[in-house]
Amino acid sequence: MAHPFWSLKPWWCQPWTILLTGTIGIAGSWLLLQIWWLTTGVALVVIAWWVLFLLIVPNITPVETIVE
């Protein structure tokens, strides 16, 4: 079952769009620049963004806040 946190978010702020945007960012960095260390930096930032918005924020949001 989906986390109730995501039911409050619009379609463009769902997990699949966050993953897709990050993947496009990493792939786009490599396809446009083809500099491995720059793409690695982009990937690290994207992974930190994923961890923050897909794992940490939904789990620290109190359920009472979501239900109301």
Foldseek 3Di string as FASTA:
>chain_A
DDQLVQVPDDPCLHLVNLVVVLVCQLVVCCVVPVDVVVSVVSNVVSVVVCCVSVPPVSVVPDVVVSVD
